[in-house]
Amino acid sequence: MFKLTSLNLNGIRSAATKGLQEWVAESMPDCICVQELKAQAADLRGRFESMAGHKGYFQFAGKKGYSGVGIYTRHEPSDVIVGYGSSEFDAEGRYVELRFDRPGRRHSPKLSIISCYFPSGSSGEERQAAKFRFLAELYPHLAALKRCGGDSREFVLCGDINIAHQEIDLKNFKGNKKNSGFLPEERAWMTELLRDAELAAEAADALSQGKGGGMVDVYRRLHPATTGEAYTWWSNRGQAYAKNVGWRLDYHLATPAFGATARSAAIHKAQRFSDHAPLTIEYDWTL
């Protein structure tokens, strides 16, 4: 089984003081995708370049103390892709992709693991507009990745998506319909990305044909109706965590063939490393 975790750290140095490294050593995922490092390369040097025997690969933001993503892995990647070619968002440290391409693998010879941190629009109209630009850029990038020069590529994008897709994905959906993270336009983007997954399993280029993204929300594939158990983020205000007034903002978004191999999902809430909880999914897959 391939064990894959996603976690927004809200600062890697802060998360480390709360037992992150010990938990990784105990839970031993094959890969852990992290977001919001809030650190630069110099801050990680000698401390966080690896974690519990997992080697780290990162994209840092140009702005200090801001954003940043990474993937820690027990397996050697065949290639490392830092950024997705955006003139605007690569400077914000939002995308790193590890490729585990194995010509003789029976599942699929091409596989990518992506750690991605979507912008938040909660600070105001300017950042919400940036978030919409990010969504508009990412969709065709995923289409191109899926086509992979004519050969099919399986992949899973893990990360803090900053979108609650359905009403069951947050506690107070009625009061948040006009708030960033639950706006109709954001939810429609997610719906389109996930549309026609069964069709996409047969047509790898469904994205480019305008037939919907054909991606799979892996947690919802395993748990289609959970509510409070599904939340992965809680505000630091008003005892939101204690009262479980949360949102489901952290996802595994996979190509259909890879998503179909998911066997179990767990959200770790026994120990808090940040305002997000780790989401771990096990796949019947061999790297």
C-alpha atoms as a PDB file:
ATOM      1  CA  MET A   1       0.000   0.000   0.000  1.00  0.00           C
ATOM      2  CA  PHE A   2       1.106   3.550  -0.794  1.00  0.00           C
ATOM      3  CA  LYS A   3       0.432   5.872   2.161  1.00  0.00           C
ATOM      4  CA  LEU A   4       0.095   9.546   1.266  1.00  0.00           C
ATOM      5  CA  THR A   5      -0.507  12.436   3.676  1.00  0.00           C
ATOM      6  CA  SER A   6      -1.356  16.090   3.064  1.00  0.00           C
ATOM      7  CA  LEU A   7      -1.003  18.786   5.742  1.00  0.00           C
ATOM      8  CA  ASN A   8      -1.029  22.571   5.828  1.00  0.00           C
ATOM      9  CA  LEU A   9       1.614  23.317   8.464  1.00  0.00           C
ATOM     10  CA  ASN A  10       0.836  26.999   9.061  1.00  0.00           C
ATOM     11  CA  GLY A  11       4.583  27.336   9.597  1.00  0.00           C
ATOM     12  CA  ILE A  12       6.974  24.386   9.654  1.00  0.00           C
ATOM     13  CA  ARG A  13       8.896  25.704  12.641  1.00  0.00           C
ATOM     14  CA  SER A  14       5.696  26.106  14.631  1.00  0.00           C
ATOM     15  CA  ALA A  15       4.440  22.639  13.648  1.00  0.00           C
ATOM     16  CA  ALA A  16       7.764  21.108  14.695  1.00  0.00           C
ATOM     17  CA  THR A  17       7.360  22.438  18.226  1.00  0.00           C
ATOM     18  CA  LYS A  18       4.010  20.625  18.396  1.00  0.00           C
ATOM     19  CA  GLY A  19       5.395  17.176  17.582  1.00  0.00           C
ATOM     20  CA  LEU A  20       5.218  17.045  13.792  1.00  0.00           C
ATOM     21  CA  GLN A  21       8.483  15.168  13.284  1.00  0.00           C
ATOM     22  CA  GLU A  22       7.660  12.591  15.934  1.00  0.00           C
ATOM     23  CA  TRP A  23       4.239  12.001  14.383  1.00  0.00           C
ATOM     24  CA  VAL A  24       5.730  11.530  10.897  1.00  0.00           C
ATOM     25  CA  ALA A  25       8.222   9.028  12.325  1.00  0.00           C
ATOM     26  CA  GLU A  26       5.381   7.140  13.991  1.00  0.00           C
ATOM     27  CA  SER A  27       2.833   7.221  11.148  1.00  0.00           C
ATOM     28  CA  MET A  28       5.477   6.706   8.419  1.00  0.00           C
ATOM     29  CA  PRO A  29       3.692   7.785   5.237  1.00  0.00           C
ATOM     30  CA  ASP A  30       5.478   7.054   1.981  1.00  0.00           C
ATOM     31  CA  CYS A  31       5.111  10.726   1.098  1.00  0.00           C
ATOM     32  CA  ILE A  32       3.822  13.739   2.996  1.00  0.00           C
ATOM     33  CA  CYS A  33       2.778  16.813   1.032  1.00  0.00           C
ATOM     34  CA  VAL A  34       3.060  19.981   3.099  1.00  0.00           C
ATOM     35  CA  GLN A  35       1.832  23.499   2.479  1.00  0.00           C
ATOM     36  CA  GLU A  36       2.400  26.911   4.033  1.00  0.00           C
ATOM     37  CA  LEU A  37       5.984  26.315   5.105  1.00  0.00           C
ATOM     38  CA  LYS A  38       6.368  30.008   5.980  1.00  0.00           C
ATOM     39  CA  ALA A  39      10.117  29.516   5.647  1.00  0.00           C
ATOM     40  CA  GLN A  40      13.016  29.922   3.242  1.00  0.00           C
ATOM     41  CA  ALA A  41      15.726  27.454   2.263  1.00  0.00           C
ATOM     42  CA  ALA A  42      18.076  28.913   4.872  1.00  0.00           C
ATOM     43  CA  ASP A  43      15.493  28.303   7.600  1.00  0.00           C
ATOM     44  CA  LEU A  44      15.247  24.618   6.687  1.00  0.00           C
ATOM     45  CA  ARG A  45      18.980  24.034   6.344  1.00  0.00           C
ATOM     46  CA  GLY A  46      20.244  21.576   8.952  1.00  0.00           C
ATOM     47  CA  ARG A  47      16.764  21.144  10.461  1.00  0.00           C
ATOM     48  CA  PHE A  48      14.041  20.314   7.978  1.00  0.00           C
ATOM     49  CA  GLU A  49      15.715  19.239   4.725  1.00  0.00           C
ATOM     50  CA  SER A  50      14.601  15.745   5.707  1.00  0.00           C
ATOM     51  CA  MET A  51      12.069  14.465   8.211  1.00  0.00           C
ATOM     52  CA  ALA A  52      12.009  10.998   9.790  1.00  0.00           C
ATOM     53  CA  GLY A  53      14.168   9.652   6.970  1.00  0.00           C
ATOM     54  CA  HIS A  54      12.094  11.332   4.261  1.00  0.00           C
ATOM     55  CA  LYS A  55      13.956  13.647   1.898  1.00  0.00           C
ATOM     56  CA  GLY A  56      12.279  16.980   1.245  1.00  0.00           C
ATOM     57  CA  TYR A  57      11.729  18.841  -2.037  1.00  0.00           C
ATOM     58  CA  PHE A  58      10.396  22.392  -1.877  1.00  0.00           C
ATOM     59  CA  GLN A  59       9.214  25.535  -3.587  1.00  0.00           C
ATOM     60  CA  PHE A  60       9.693  28.651  -1.481  1.00  0.00           C
ATOM     61  CA  ALA A  61       7.888  31.947  -1.805  1.00  0.00           C
ATOM     62  CA  GLY A  62       9.835  35.047  -2.714  1.00  0.00           C
ATOM     63  CA  LYS A  63       8.252  36.802   0.276  1.00  0.00           C
ATOM     64  CA  LYS A  64       9.711  35.756   3.618  1.00  0.00           C
ATOM     65  CA  GLY A  65       7.384  34.050   6.080  1.00  0.00           C
ATOM     66  CA  TYR A  66       4.805  33.385   3.383  1.00  0.00           C
ATOM     67  CA  SER A  67       3.337  30.329   1.673  1.00  0.00           C
ATOM     68  CA  GLY A  68       5.783  27.658   0.407  1.00  0.00           C
ATOM     69  CA  VAL A  69       5.142  23.985  -0.342  1.00  0.00           C
ATOM     70  CA  GLY A  70       7.066  20.744  -0.122  1.00  0.00           C
ATOM     71  CA  ILE A  71       6.984  16.973  -0.391  1.00  0.00           C
ATOM     72  CA  TYR A  72       8.856  14.627   1.932  1.00  0.00           C
ATOM     73  CA  THR A  73       9.347  11.173   0.453  1.00  0.00           C
ATOM     74  CA  ARG A  74      10.874   7.823   1.328  1.00  0.00           C
ATOM     75  CA  HIS A  75      11.200   7.041  -2.398  1.00  0.00           C
ATOM     76  CA  GLU A  76      13.582   8.576  -4.909  1.00  0.00           C
ATOM     77  CA  PRO A  77      11.695  10.563  -7.569  1.00  0.00           C
ATOM     78  CA  SER A  78      12.616  10.310 -11.215  1.00  0.00           C
ATOM     79  CA  ASP A  79      12.104  14.054 -11.652  1.00  0.00           C
ATOM     80  CA  VAL A  80      11.290  17.156  -9.617  1.00  0.00           C
ATOM     81  CA  ILE A  81       9.134  19.964 -11.043  1.00  0.00           C
ATOM     82  CA  VAL A  82       9.192  23.217  -9.078  1.00  0.00           C
ATOM     83  CA  GLY A  83       6.361  25.549 -10.038  1.00  0.00           C
ATOM     84  CA  TYR A  84       3.910  25.111 -12.892  1.00  0.00           C
ATOM     85  CA  GLY A  85       5.163  27.890 -15.154  1.00  0.00           C
ATOM     86  CA  SER A  86       3.069  30.763 -13.827  1.00  0.00           C
ATOM     87  CA  SER A  87       4.509  34.236 -14.180  1.00  0.00           C
ATOM     88  CA  GLU A  88       2.422  35.322 -11.185  1.00  0.00           C
ATOM     89  CA  PHE A  89       2.060  32.432  -8.781  1.00  0.00           C
ATOM     90  CA  ASP A  90       5.367  30.578  -8.987  1.00  0.00           C
ATOM     91  CA  ALA A  91       6.857  33.456  -6.987  1.00  0.00           C
ATOM     92  CA  GLU A  92       4.359  32.684  -4.216  1.00  0.00           C
ATOM     93  CA  GLY A  93       5.579  29.096  -3.668  1.00  0.00           C
ATOM     94  CA  ARG A  94       2.419  27.156  -4.453  1.00  0.00           C
ATOM     95  CA  TYR A  95       3.376  24.062  -6.490  1.00  0.00           C
ATOM     96  CA  VAL A  96       5.924  21.282  -6.365  1.00  0.00           C
ATOM     97  CA  GLU A  97       5.586  17.990  -8.246  1.00  0.00           C
ATOM     98  CA  LEU A  98       7.546  14.773  -7.820  1.00  0.00           C
ATOM     99  CA  ARG A  99       7.470  12.275 -10.660  1.00  0.00           C
ATOM    100  CA  PHE A 100       7.852   8.577  -9.994  1.00  0.00           C
ATOM    101  CA  ASP A 101       8.057   7.279 -13.551  1.00  0.00           C
ATOM    102  CA  ARG A 102       8.858   3.558 -13.698  1.00  0.00           C
ATOM    103  CA  PRO A 103       8.784   2.003 -17.213  1.00  0.00           C
ATOM    104  CA  GLY A 104       8.035  -1.495 -15.939  1.00  0.00           C
ATOM    105  CA  ARG A 105       5.309  -0.653 -13.438  1.00  0.00           C
ATOM    106  CA  ARG A 106       2.125  -2.622 -14.088  1.00  0.00           C
ATOM    107  CA  HIS A 107      -0.311   0.112 -12.939  1.00  0.00           C
ATOM    108  CA  SER A 108       0.948   2.943 -15.086  1.00  0.00           C
ATOM    109  CA  PRO A 109       4.514   3.871 -16.016  1.00  0.00           C
ATOM    110  CA  LYS A 110       3.943   7.561 -15.206  1.00  0.00           C
ATOM    111  CA  LEU A 111       2.876   8.904 -11.818  1.00  0.00           C
ATOM    112  CA  SER A 112       3.123  12.369 -10.244  1.00  0.00           C
ATOM    113  CA  ILE A 113       2.575  13.455  -6.644  1.00  0.00           C
ATOM    114  CA  ILE A 114       1.807  17.169  -6.321  1.00  0.00           C
ATOM    115  CA  SER A 115       1.749  19.423  -3.259  1.00  0.00           C
ATOM    116  CA  CYS A 116      -0.262  22.554  -3.995  1.00  0.00           C
ATOM    117  CA  TYR A 117      -1.417  25.507  -1.916  1.00  0.00           C
ATOM    118  CA  PHE A 118      -4.330  27.420  -3.426  1.00  0.00           C
ATOM    119  CA  PRO A 119      -4.565  31.143  -2.629  1.00  0.00           C
ATOM    120  CA  SER A 120      -7.037  32.371  -0.049  1.00  0.00           C
ATOM    121  CA  GLY A 121      -9.312  35.239  -0.961  1.00  0.00           C
ATOM    122  CA  SER A 122     -10.469  35.946   2.563  1.00  0.00           C
ATOM    123  CA  SER A 123      -8.360  39.095   3.010  1.00  0.00           C
ATOM    124  CA  GLY A 124     -10.268  41.061   0.393  1.00  0.00           C
ATOM    125  CA  GLU A 125     -11.241  41.602  -3.232  1.00  0.00           C
ATOM    126  CA  GLU A 126      -7.678  41.862  -4.530  1.00  0.00           C
ATOM    127  CA  ARG A 127      -6.669  38.436  -3.237  1.00  0.00           C
ATOM    128  CA  GLN A 128      -9.999  36.922  -4.295  1.00  0.00           C
ATOM    129  CA  ALA A 129      -9.317  38.129  -7.827  1.00  0.00           C
ATOM    130  CA  ALA A 130      -5.866  36.536  -7.603  1.00  0.00           C
ATOM    131  CA  LYS A 131      -7.461  33.304  -6.465  1.00  0.00           C
ATOM    132  CA  PHE A 132      -9.713  33.280  -9.515  1.00  0.00           C
ATOM    133  CA  ARG A 133      -6.676  33.878 -11.751  1.00  0.00           C
ATOM    134  CA  PHE A 134      -4.929  30.935 -10.095  1.00  0.00           C
ATOM    135  CA  LEU A 135      -7.902  28.659 -10.703  1.00  0.00           C
ATOM    136  CA  ALA A 136      -8.054  29.752 -14.339  1.00  0.00           C
ATOM    137  CA  GLU A 137      -4.362  28.918 -14.799  1.00  0.00           C
ATOM    138  CA  LEU A 138      -4.307  25.636 -12.931  1.00  0.00           C
ATOM    139  CA  TYR A 139      -7.134  23.955 -14.840  1.00  0.00           C
ATOM    140  CA  PRO A 140      -5.355  23.869 -18.241  1.00  0.00           C
ATOM    141  CA  HIS A 141      -2.093  22.955 -16.527  1.00  0.00           C
ATOM    142  CA  LEU A 142      -3.730  19.842 -15.096  1.00  0.00           C
ATOM    143  CA  ALA A 143      -5.128  19.099 -18.563  1.00  0.00           C
ATOM    144  CA  ALA A 144      -1.660  19.207 -20.067  1.00  0.00           C
ATOM    145  CA  LEU A 145      -0.241  17.097 -17.253  1.00  0.00           C
ATOM    146  CA  LYS A 146      -2.917  14.491 -17.792  1.00  0.00           C
ATOM    147  CA  ARG A 147      -2.153  14.293 -21.517  1.00  0.00           C
ATOM    148  CA  CYS A 148       1.593  14.237 -20.870  1.00  0.00           C
ATOM    149  CA  GLY A 149       2.631  14.548 -24.497  1.00  0.00           C
ATOM    150  CA  GLY A 150       0.094  12.001 -25.685  1.00  0.00           C
ATOM    151  CA  ASP A 151       0.905   9.375 -23.049  1.00  0.00           C
ATOM    152  CA  SER A 152      -1.364   9.046 -20.033  1.00  0.00           C
ATOM    153  CA  ARG A 153      -0.033  10.207 -16.683  1.00  0.00           C
ATOM    154  CA  GLU A 154      -1.649   9.344 -13.390  1.00  0.00           C
ATOM    155  CA  PHE A 155      -1.338  11.957 -10.668  1.00  0.00           C
ATOM    156  CA  VAL A 156      -2.729  13.108  -7.356  1.00  0.00           C
ATOM    157  CA  LEU A 157      -2.780  16.723  -6.277  1.00  0.00           C
ATOM    158  CA  CYS A 158      -2.677  17.049  -2.497  1.00  0.00           C
ATOM    159  CA  GLY A 159      -3.128  20.289  -0.700  1.00  0.00           C
ATOM    160  CA  ASP A 160      -5.009  23.063   0.961  1.00  0.00           C
ATOM    161  CA  ILE A 161      -7.466  23.932  -1.799  1.00  0.00           C
ATOM    162  CA  ASN A 162      -9.139  26.717   0.206  1.00  0.00           C
ATOM    163  CA  ILE A 163     -12.513  25.670  -1.208  1.00  0.00           C
ATOM    164  CA  ALA A 164     -15.294  23.771   0.527  1.00  0.00           C
ATOM    165  CA  HIS A 165     -17.038  22.127  -2.397  1.00  0.00           C
ATOM    166  CA  GLN A 166     -20.408  21.031  -0.992  1.00  0.00           C
ATOM    167  CA  GLU A 167     -22.712  22.104   1.807  1.00  0.00           C
ATOM    168  CA  ILE A 168     -21.652  19.041   3.802  1.00  0.00           C
ATOM    169  CA  ASP A 169     -18.061  20.307   3.680  1.00  0.00           C
ATOM    170  CA  LEU A 170     -18.515  23.026   6.297  1.00  0.00           C
ATOM    171  CA  LYS A 171     -20.520  23.565   9.444  1.00  0.00           C
ATOM    172  CA  ASN A 172     -22.204  26.896   8.693  1.00  0.00           C
ATOM    173  CA  PHE A 173     -22.839  26.687   4.963  1.00  0.00           C
ATOM    174  CA  LYS A 174     -25.843  29.026   5.038  1.00  0.00           C
ATOM    175  CA  GLY A 175     -23.851  31.854   6.564  1.00  0.00           C
ATOM    176  CA  ASN A 176     -20.845  31.441   4.261  1.00  0.00           C
ATOM    177  CA  LYS A 177     -22.397  31.531   0.797  1.00  0.00           C
ATOM    178  CA  LYS A 178     -20.910  34.981   0.145  1.00  0.00           C
ATOM    179  CA  ASN A 179     -17.551  34.270   1.765  1.00  0.00           C
ATOM    180  CA  SER A 180     -14.297  33.227   0.107  1.00  0.00           C
ATOM    181  CA  GLY A 181     -13.880  29.478   0.160  1.00  0.00           C
ATOM    182  CA  PHE A 182     -17.580  28.822  -0.441  1.00  0.00           C
ATOM    183  CA  LEU A 183     -18.384  31.247  -3.248  1.00  0.00           C
ATOM    184  CA  PRO A 184     -20.546  29.880  -6.093  1.00  0.00           C
ATOM    185  CA  GLU A 185     -17.769  30.505  -8.627  1.00  0.00           C
ATOM    186  CA  GLU A 186     -15.222  28.546  -6.571  1.00  0.00           C
ATOM    187  CA  ARG A 187     -17.601  25.653  -6.028  1.00  0.00           C
ATOM    188  CA  ALA A 188     -18.458  25.638  -9.744  1.00  0.00           C
ATOM    189  CA  TRP A 189     -14.741  25.360 -10.565  1.00  0.00           C
ATOM    190  CA  MET A 190     -14.506  22.312  -8.321  1.00  0.00           C
ATOM    191  CA  THR A 191     -17.630  20.797  -9.831  1.00  0.00           C
ATOM    192  CA  GLU A 192     -16.195  21.206 -13.326  1.00  0.00           C
ATOM    193  CA  LEU A 193     -12.858  19.727 -12.276  1.00  0.00           C
ATOM    194  CA  LEU A 194     -14.648  16.654 -10.915  1.00  0.00           C
ATOM    195  CA  ARG A 195     -17.205  16.347 -13.716  1.00  0.00           C
ATOM    196  CA  ASP A 196     -17.333  13.239 -15.893  1.00  0.00           C
ATOM    197  CA  ALA A 197     -14.730  11.259 -13.975  1.00  0.00           C
ATOM    198  CA  GLU A 198     -15.995   7.976 -15.420  1.00  0.00           C
ATOM    199  CA  LEU A 199     -15.744   9.362 -18.930  1.00  0.00           C
ATOM    200  CA  ALA A 200     -12.246  10.630 -18.238  1.00  0.00           C
ATOM    201  CA  ALA A 201     -11.171   7.162 -17.184  1.00  0.00           C
ATOM    202  CA  GLU A 202     -11.748   6.180 -20.812  1.00  0.00           C
ATOM    203  CA  ALA A 203     -10.560   9.434 -22.378  1.00  0.00           C
ATOM    204  CA  ALA A 204      -7.355  10.785 -20.865  1.00  0.00           C
ATOM    205  CA  ASP A 205      -7.765  14.093 -22.669  1.00  0.00           C
ATOM    206  CA  ALA A 206     -11.288  14.843 -21.430  1.00  0.00           C
ATOM    207  CA  LEU A 207     -10.104  18.106 -19.914  1.00  0.00           C
ATOM    208  CA  SER A 208      -8.979  19.480 -23.246  1.00  0.00           C
ATOM    209  CA  GLN A 209     -12.182  18.328 -24.947  1.00  0.00           C
ATOM    210  CA  GLY A 210     -14.304  20.416 -22.595  1.00  0.00           C
ATOM    211  CA  LYS A 211     -15.943  17.339 -21.117  1.00  0.00           C
ATOM    212  CA  GLY A 212     -15.112  18.256 -17.535  1.00  0.00           C
ATOM    213  CA  GLY A 213     -11.944  17.699 -15.597  1.00  0.00           C
ATOM    214  CA  GLY A 214     -12.593  14.082 -14.814  1.00  0.00           C
ATOM    215  CA  MET A 215     -10.695  14.280 -11.539  1.00  0.00           C
ATOM    216  CA  VAL A 216     -11.670  12.369  -8.399  1.00  0.00           C
ATOM    217  CA  ASP A 217     -12.137  13.833  -4.927  1.00  0.00           C
ATOM    218  CA  VAL A 218     -10.640  10.777  -3.264  1.00  0.00           C
ATOM    219  CA  TYR A 219     -11.917  11.370   0.265  1.00  0.00           C
ATOM    220  CA  ARG A 220     -15.473  11.792  -1.048  1.00  0.00           C
ATOM    221  CA  ARG A 221     -15.114   8.629  -3.101  1.00  0.00           C
ATOM    222  CA  LEU A 222     -14.520   6.754   0.143  1.00  0.00           C
ATOM    223  CA  HIS A 223     -16.825   8.820   2.369  1.00  0.00           C
ATOM    224  CA  PRO A 224     -19.520  10.415   0.216  1.00  0.00           C
ATOM    225  CA  ALA A 225     -21.761  11.679   3.007  1.00  0.00           C
ATOM    226  CA  THR A 226     -19.691  12.467   6.118  1.00  0.00           C
ATOM    227  CA  THR A 227     -20.025  15.962   7.580  1.00  0.00           C
ATOM    228  CA  GLY A 228     -18.306  16.846  10.862  1.00  0.00           C
ATOM    229  CA  GLU A 229     -15.901  13.922  10.536  1.00  0.00           C
ATOM    230  CA  ALA A 230     -14.653  15.371   7.239  1.00  0.00           C
ATOM    231  CA  TYR A 231     -13.483  18.775   8.454  1.00  0.00           C
ATOM    232  CA  THR A 232      -9.771  19.517   8.184  1.00  0.00           C
ATOM    233  CA  TRP A 233      -9.600  23.215   9.176  1.00  0.00           C
ATOM    234  CA  TRP A 234     -10.918  25.232  12.093  1.00  0.00           C
ATOM    235  CA  SER A 235     -10.703  28.946  12.764  1.00  0.00           C
ATOM    236  CA  ASN A 236      -8.686  29.984  15.795  1.00  0.00           C
ATOM    237  CA  ARG A 237     -11.596  32.144  16.895  1.00  0.00           C
ATOM    238  CA  GLY A 238     -14.650  31.322  18.993  1.00  0.00           C
ATOM    239  CA  GLN A 239     -13.656  27.818  20.127  1.00  0.00           C
ATOM    240  CA  ALA A 240     -14.234  26.545  16.589  1.00  0.00           C
ATOM    241  CA  TYR A 241     -12.070  23.448  17.116  1.00  0.00           C
ATOM    242  CA  ALA A 242     -13.666  22.523  20.430  1.00  0.00           C
ATOM    243  CA  LYS A 243     -17.129  22.915  18.919  1.00  0.00           C
ATOM    244  CA  ASN A 244     -16.077  21.307  15.596  1.00  0.00           C
ATOM    245  CA  VAL A 245     -17.169  24.344  13.592  1.00  0.00           C
ATOM    246  CA  GLY A 246     -14.935  23.419  10.702  1.00  0.00           C
ATOM    247  CA  TRP A 247     -14.382  23.308   6.959  1.00  0.00           C
ATOM    248  CA  ARG A 248     -13.090  20.594   4.637  1.00  0.00           C
ATOM    249  CA  LEU A 249     -10.347  22.465   2.784  1.00  0.00           C
ATOM    250  CA  ASP A 250      -7.686  19.760   2.343  1.00  0.00           C
ATOM    251  CA  TYR A 251      -7.986  17.312  -0.544  1.00  0.00           C
ATOM    252  CA  HIS A 252      -6.493  14.519  -2.571  1.00  0.00           C
ATOM    253  CA  LEU A 253      -7.582  15.204  -6.179  1.00  0.00           C
ATOM    254  CA  ALA A 254      -6.606  12.293  -8.401  1.00  0.00           C
ATOM    255  CA  THR A 255      -6.881  10.966 -11.897  1.00  0.00           C
ATOM    256  CA  PRO A 256      -9.620   8.303 -11.992  1.00  0.00           C
ATOM    257  CA  ALA A 257      -7.398   5.235 -12.272  1.00  0.00           C
ATOM    258  CA  PHE A 258      -5.229   6.319  -9.366  1.00  0.00           C
ATOM    259  CA  GLY A 259      -8.197   7.460  -7.284  1.00  0.00           C
ATOM    260  CA  ALA A 260      -9.890   4.100  -7.783  1.00  0.00           C
ATOM    261  CA  THR A 261      -7.050   2.401  -5.894  1.00  0.00           C
ATOM    262  CA  ALA A 262      -7.779   4.322  -2.654  1.00  0.00           C
ATOM    263  CA  ARG A 263      -8.600   1.928   0.161  1.00  0.00           C
ATOM    264  CA  SER A 264      -8.825   4.009   3.346  1.00  0.00           C
ATOM    265  CA  ALA A 265      -8.794   7.619   4.516  1.00  0.00           C
ATOM    266  CA  ALA A 266      -8.060   9.098   7.921  1.00  0.00           C
ATOM    267  CA  ILE A 267      -8.074  12.637   9.307  1.00  0.00           C
ATOM    268  CA  HIS A 268      -5.752  12.872  12.298  1.00  0.00           C
ATOM    269  CA  LYS A 269      -7.344  15.028  15.001  1.00  0.00           C
ATOM    270  CA  ALA A 270      -5.817  13.560  18.162  1.00  0.00           C
ATOM    271  CA  GLN A 271      -2.870  15.962  17.981  1.00  0.00           C
ATOM    272  CA  ARG A 272      -2.804  19.486  16.533  1.00  0.00           C
ATOM    273  CA  PHE A 273       0.186  20.646  14.532  1.00  0.00           C
ATOM    274  CA  SER A 274      -1.558  23.667  12.994  1.00  0.00           C
ATOM    275  CA  ASP A 275      -5.070  24.953  12.315  1.00  0.00           C
ATOM    276  CA  HIS A 276      -5.351  22.114   9.765  1.00  0.00           C
ATOM    277  CA  ALA A 277      -5.458  18.348  10.352  1.00  0.00           C
ATOM    278  CA  PRO A 278      -3.432  15.826   8.326  1.00  0.00           C
ATOM    279  CA  LEU A 279      -5.402  13.897   5.711  1.00  0.00           C
ATOM    280  CA  THR A 280      -3.922  10.454   4.997  1.00  0.00           C
ATOM    281  CA  ILE A 281      -5.132   8.116   2.255  1.00  0.00           C
ATOM    282  CA  GLU A 282      -3.783   4.658   1.487  1.00  0.00           C
ATOM    283  CA  TYR A 283      -3.675   3.509  -2.124  1.00  0.00           C
ATOM    284  CA  ASP A 284      -3.263   0.026  -3.501  1.00  0.00           C
ATOM    285  CA  TRP A 285      -0.319   1.158  -5.573  1.00  0.00           C
ATOM    286  CA  THR A 286       3.385   0.381  -5.757  1.00  0.00           C
ATOM    287  CA  LEU A 287       5.865   3.116  -6.554  1.00  0.00           C
END
